[in-house]
Amino acid sequence: MGEETVEKGWQYYYELGKKSFEEKKYDTALQCFEFVVKEKQTFADVYNMLGLLYYQKSRFEEAISAFQKALGINPNYTESSLNLSVVYNELGRYDKSSAIYEKARDVRREEKTYLDPFVKGKLANMHAEVGNIYKDLGHYADAAEEYQKALSLRPEFIDIRIHLGAAYRDMKEYGKALKTLEEAVERNPDHPSSRIQLGLTYYVMGRHEKAKTEWLKVLRKRPDDKMAQMYLNLLLTPQK
């Protein structure tokens, strides 16, 4: 970038960096923003975008530093707080991740802040991971609560909806389980796990024909699906 950079000034590279970022030309965006922050250290959004760019390149410590600088300029920058939380979570620094997330959630509760879909997805997966831990420990109500939080962020995540339905089933709340799993099937009829889990819920309720119907639907499209075949074999095996 050299002499041409100096001649054009940081304003030019600020605009070019934003344009490149939007167009997913990330290497160009990174060069531009690194130049901008050498000249001007007052743009929280530049540091936030720098953090995302460093994160994509697995330069996590630089990402953390960039997000922290964004928050130093604007402590109410919710998106940057959540981005920082995501990085801490990725590095296994769960205490810091949780503290940052809670602080971000408490900032201006009355205001609705735009969240990037990528960040929403990361946060949804974080809630789902916590839900899975609760589920493995047999704390199904806590697991269901985490899955609900995840779906409030990204309702289109079918796998999380399936986990929620299974948690309701383990709580013996069969009505909620059926409703949740039927919603998963409606959203993606070709997703085998939703029908398998729906069939399993029917099975534990004693509605064996309904269970058989769901598992057969899976096997018609996926004849080699081992889970559907296993459950169907269980159903067809005479009980002693």
Protein backbone atom coordinates (compact mmCIF):
# COMPACT_ATOMS: atom_id res chain seq x y z
CA MET A 1 0.00 0.00 0.00
CA GLY A 2 3.07 2.26 0.62
CA GLU A 3 3.19 5.83 -0.72
CA GLU A 4 -0.19 5.53 -2.42
CA THR A 5 -1.73 4.83 1.00
CA VAL A 6 -0.27 7.99 2.51
CA GLU A 7 -1.42 10.09 -0.44
CA LYS A 8 -5.01 8.85 -0.29
CA GLY A 9 -5.31 9.01 3.49
CA TRP A 10 -7.17 6.97 6.06
CA GLN A 11 -10.64 8.15 4.95
CA TYR A 12 -10.23 6.46 1.57
CA TYR A 13 -9.10 3.21 3.15
CA TYR A 14 -11.83 3.38 5.76
CA GLU A 15 -14.47 3.40 3.02
CA LEU A 16 -12.60 0.84 0.90
CA GLY A 17 -12.22 -1.39 3.94
CA LYS A 18 -15.95 -1.31 4.71
CA LYS A 19 -16.81 -1.97 1.07
CA SER A 20 -14.33 -4.85 0.89
CA PHE A 21 -15.67 -6.30 4.14
CA GLU A 22 -19.25 -6.23 2.83
CA GLU A 23 -18.10 -7.86 -0.41
CA LYS A 24 -16.23 -10.54 1.57
CA LYS A 25 -12.85 -9.41 0.20
CA TYR A 26 -11.38 -10.01 3.61
CA ASP A 27 -7.66 -9.73 2.86
CA THR A 28 -8.16 -6.29 1.32
CA ALA A 29 -10.40 -5.25 4.21
CA LEU A 30 -7.78 -6.36 6.72
CA GLN A 31 -5.04 -4.33 5.04
CA CYS A 32 -7.25 -1.25 4.90
CA PHE A 33 -8.39 -1.41 8.52
CA GLU A 34 -4.90 -2.08 9.85
CA PHE A 35 -3.79 1.12 8.11
CA VAL A 36 -6.80 3.07 9.39
CA VAL A 37 -6.19 2.22 13.06
CA LYS A 38 -2.58 3.37 12.77
CA GLU A 39 -3.89 6.79 11.75
CA LYS A 40 -7.16 6.94 13.66
CA GLN A 41 -8.03 5.09 16.87
CA THR A 42 -11.58 6.35 17.40
CA PHE A 43 -13.66 3.96 15.28
CA ALA A 44 -15.20 1.17 17.34
CA ASP A 45 -16.71 -0.40 14.22
CA VAL A 46 -13.27 -0.68 12.58
CA TYR A 47 -11.87 -2.50 15.60
CA ASN A 48 -14.93 -4.76 15.65
CA MET A 49 -14.47 -5.67 11.98
CA LEU A 50 -10.75 -6.16 12.57
CA GLY A 51 -11.62 -8.55 15.36
CA LEU A 52 -13.87 -10.56 13.07
CA LEU A 53 -11.18 -10.67 10.39
CA TYR A 54 -8.55 -11.84 12.88
CA TYR A 55 -11.02 -14.43 14.20
CA GLN A 56 -11.57 -15.83 10.71
CA LYS A 57 -7.80 -16.26 10.38
CA SER A 58 -7.61 -17.96 13.81
CA ARG A 59 -5.53 -15.05 15.13
CA PHE A 60 -7.51 -15.19 18.35
CA GLU A 61 -5.37 -13.03 20.64
CA GLU A 62 -5.36 -10.23 18.08
CA ALA A 63 -9.13 -10.66 17.74
CA ILE A 64 -9.53 -10.31 21.52
CA SER A 65 -7.39 -7.17 21.54
CA ALA A 66 -9.40 -5.63 18.69
CA PHE A 67 -12.77 -6.32 20.34
CA GLN A 68 -11.47 -4.94 23.65
CA LYS A 69 -10.37 -1.75 21.89
CA ALA A 70 -13.82 -1.44 20.31
CA LEU A 71 -15.37 -1.72 23.77
CA GLY A 72 -12.88 0.78 25.16
CA ILE A 73 -14.24 3.30 22.66
CA ASN A 74 -17.88 2.28 23.08
CA PRO A 75 -18.66 0.19 26.21
CA ASN A 76 -22.26 -0.21 24.99
CA TYR A 77 -21.20 -1.85 21.72
CA THR A 78 -23.25 -5.02 22.22
CA GLU A 79 -22.19 -6.79 19.05
CA SER A 80 -18.51 -6.39 19.88
CA SER A 81 -19.13 -7.69 23.41
CA LEU A 82 -20.79 -10.78 22.01
CA ASN A 83 -18.04 -11.27 19.46
CA LEU A 84 -15.50 -11.15 22.28
CA SER A 85 -17.60 -13.67 24.21
CA VAL A 86 -17.56 -15.99 21.20
CA VAL A 87 -13.75 -15.88 20.97
CA TYR A 88 -13.30 -16.54 24.69
CA ASN A 89 -15.70 -19.48 24.40
CA GLU A 90 -13.77 -20.84 21.43
CA LEU A 91 -10.55 -20.73 23.47
CA GLY A 92 -12.16 -22.47 26.44
CA ARG A 93 -12.09 -19.36 28.63
CA TYR A 94 -15.68 -19.96 29.69
CA ASP A 95 -15.68 -17.72 32.78
CA LYS A 96 -14.62 -14.72 30.73
CA SER A 97 -17.04 -15.66 27.96
CA SER A 98 -19.96 -15.90 30.38
CA ALA A 99 -19.08 -12.62 32.12
CA ILE A 100 -18.84 -10.73 28.83
CA TYR A 101 -22.09 -12.26 27.57
CA GLU A 102 -24.01 -11.39 30.74
CA LYS A 103 -22.68 -7.84 30.65
CA ALA A 104 -23.67 -7.49 27.00
CA ARG A 105 -27.14 -8.80 27.76
CA ASP A 106 -27.59 -6.29 30.57
CA VAL A 107 -26.58 -3.29 28.45
CA ARG A 108 -29.56 -1.22 27.44
CA ARG A 109 -32.11 -3.99 27.93
CA GLU A 110 -34.83 -1.69 26.69
CA GLU A 111 -33.16 -1.27 23.31
CA LYS A 112 -33.23 -3.82 20.52
CA THR A 113 -29.74 -4.14 19.10
CA TYR A 114 -29.00 -5.67 15.73
CA LEU A 115 -26.95 -8.84 15.94
CA ASP A 116 -25.08 -10.26 13.01
CA PRO A 117 -26.51 -13.69 12.01
CA PHE A 118 -23.05 -15.20 12.43
CA VAL A 119 -22.92 -14.01 16.05
CA LYS A 120 -26.47 -15.20 16.66
CA GLY A 121 -25.51 -18.61 15.35
CA LYS A 122 -22.45 -18.78 17.58
CA LEU A 123 -24.48 -17.81 20.64
CA ALA A 124 -27.22 -20.30 19.76
CA ASN A 125 -24.63 -23.06 19.55
CA MET A 126 -23.17 -22.00 22.90
CA HIS A 127 -26.59 -22.38 24.53
CA ALA A 128 -27.05 -25.73 22.79
CA GLU A 129 -23.69 -26.97 24.09
CA VAL A 130 -24.68 -26.05 27.65
CA GLY A 131 -28.01 -27.78 27.05
CA ASN A 132 -26.22 -30.93 25.96
CA ILE A 133 -24.19 -30.93 29.17
CA TYR A 134 -27.36 -30.60 31.26
CA LYS A 135 -28.99 -33.38 29.23
CA ASP A 136 -26.03 -35.72 29.76
CA LEU A 137 -26.28 -35.07 33.51
CA GLY A 138 -30.01 -35.84 33.48
CA HIS A 139 -31.05 -32.22 34.14
CA TYR A 140 -33.64 -32.19 31.39
CA ALA A 141 -35.54 -29.06 32.46
CA ASP A 142 -32.31 -27.04 32.46
CA ALA A 143 -31.38 -28.55 29.11
CA ALA A 144 -34.74 -27.57 27.65
CA GLU A 145 -34.30 -24.01 28.89
CA GLU A 146 -30.93 -23.71 27.12
CA TYR A 147 -32.33 -25.16 23.90
CA GLN A 148 -35.19 -22.64 24.05
CA LYS A 149 -32.68 -19.80 24.41
CA ALA A 150 -30.79 -21.13 21.41
CA LEU A 151 -33.93 -21.30 19.30
CA SER A 152 -34.91 -17.76 20.27
CA LEU A 153 -31.71 -16.69 18.48
CA ARG A 154 -31.82 -19.05 15.51
CA PRO A 155 -35.23 -20.78 15.22
CA GLU A 156 -34.17 -22.41 11.94
CA PHE A 157 -31.56 -24.63 13.65
CA ILE A 158 -33.34 -27.97 13.24
CA ASP A 159 -30.88 -30.05 15.27
CA ILE A 160 -31.43 -27.86 18.33
CA ARG A 161 -35.20 -28.13 17.93
CA ILE A 162 -34.82 -31.91 17.84
CA HIS A 163 -32.76 -31.81 21.05
CA LEU A 164 -35.51 -29.73 22.67
CA GLY A 165 -38.16 -32.26 21.66
CA ALA A 166 -36.07 -35.12 23.05
CA ALA A 167 -35.57 -33.22 26.32
CA TYR A 168 -39.34 -32.77 26.67
CA ARG A 169 -39.78 -36.49 26.05
CA ASP A 170 -37.26 -37.31 28.78
CA MET A 171 -39.27 -35.03 31.08
CA LYS A 172 -42.35 -37.06 30.08
CA GLU A 173 -43.95 -33.90 28.69
CA TYR A 174 -45.11 -35.79 25.65
CA GLY A 175 -47.44 -33.12 24.31
CA LYS A 176 -44.62 -30.59 24.13
CA ALA A 177 -42.29 -33.22 22.70
CA LEU A 178 -44.69 -34.08 19.88
CA LYS A 179 -45.38 -30.43 19.07
CA THR A 180 -41.67 -29.55 18.98
CA LEU A 181 -40.68 -32.55 16.86
CA GLU A 182 -43.61 -32.08 14.49
CA GLU A 183 -42.43 -28.48 13.99
CA ALA A 184 -38.97 -29.81 13.17
CA VAL A 185 -40.46 -32.17 10.58
CA GLU A 186 -42.52 -29.36 9.05
CA ARG A 187 -39.47 -27.13 8.74
CA ASN A 188 -37.42 -29.85 7.07
CA PRO A 189 -39.36 -33.00 6.08
CA ASP A 190 -36.19 -34.63 4.73
CA HIS A 191 -34.24 -34.39 7.98
CA PRO A 192 -34.11 -38.02 9.20
CA SER A 193 -33.38 -37.31 12.87
CA SER A 194 -36.58 -35.33 13.38
CA ARG A 195 -38.75 -38.23 12.16
CA ILE A 196 -36.68 -40.79 14.07
CA GLN A 197 -37.11 -38.84 17.31
CA LEU A 198 -40.78 -38.23 16.60
CA GLY A 199 -41.22 -41.97 16.08
CA LEU A 200 -39.37 -42.71 19.30
CA THR A 201 -41.68 -40.36 21.18
CA TYR A 202 -44.72 -42.14 19.78
CA TYR A 203 -43.12 -45.45 20.76
CA VAL A 204 -42.59 -44.56 24.42
CA MET A 205 -46.19 -43.29 24.50
CA GLY A 206 -47.33 -46.72 23.34
CA ARG A 207 -48.51 -45.43 19.95
CA HIS A 208 -46.58 -48.05 18.03
CA GLU A 209 -48.32 -47.71 14.67
CA LYS A 210 -47.54 -43.99 14.58
CA ALA A 211 -43.94 -44.77 15.48
CA LYS A 212 -43.74 -47.37 12.71
CA THR A 213 -45.13 -44.87 10.19
CA GLU A 214 -42.42 -42.30 10.97
CA TRP A 215 -39.56 -44.79 10.83
CA LEU A 216 -40.80 -46.25 7.55
CA LYS A 217 -40.91 -42.75 6.05
CA VAL A 218 -37.23 -42.38 6.88
CA LEU A 219 -36.34 -45.78 5.42
CA ARG A 220 -38.20 -45.12 2.17
CA LYS A 221 -35.88 -42.18 1.51
CA ARG A 222 -32.82 -43.58 3.28
CA PRO A 223 -32.90 -47.40 3.13
CA ASP A 224 -29.53 -47.62 4.88
CA ASP A 225 -30.44 -45.46 7.87
CA LYS A 226 -29.24 -47.60 10.76
CA MET A 227 -31.09 -45.76 13.54
CA ALA A 228 -34.48 -45.99 11.84
CA GLN A 229 -33.89 -49.66 11.04
CA MET A 230 -32.78 -50.40 14.60
CA TYR A 231 -35.91 -48.87 16.11
CA LEU A 232 -38.14 -50.55 13.57
CA ASN A 233 -36.54 -53.91 14.38
CA LEU A 234 -37.22 -53.25 18.06
CA LEU A 235 -40.85 -52.59 17.26
CA LEU A 236 -41.21 -55.69 15.09
CA THR A 237 -39.45 -58.03 17.52
CA PRO A 238 -42.02 -59.97 19.57
CA GLN A 239 -41.83 -58.94 23.22
CA LYS A 240 -41.41 -61.83 25.65
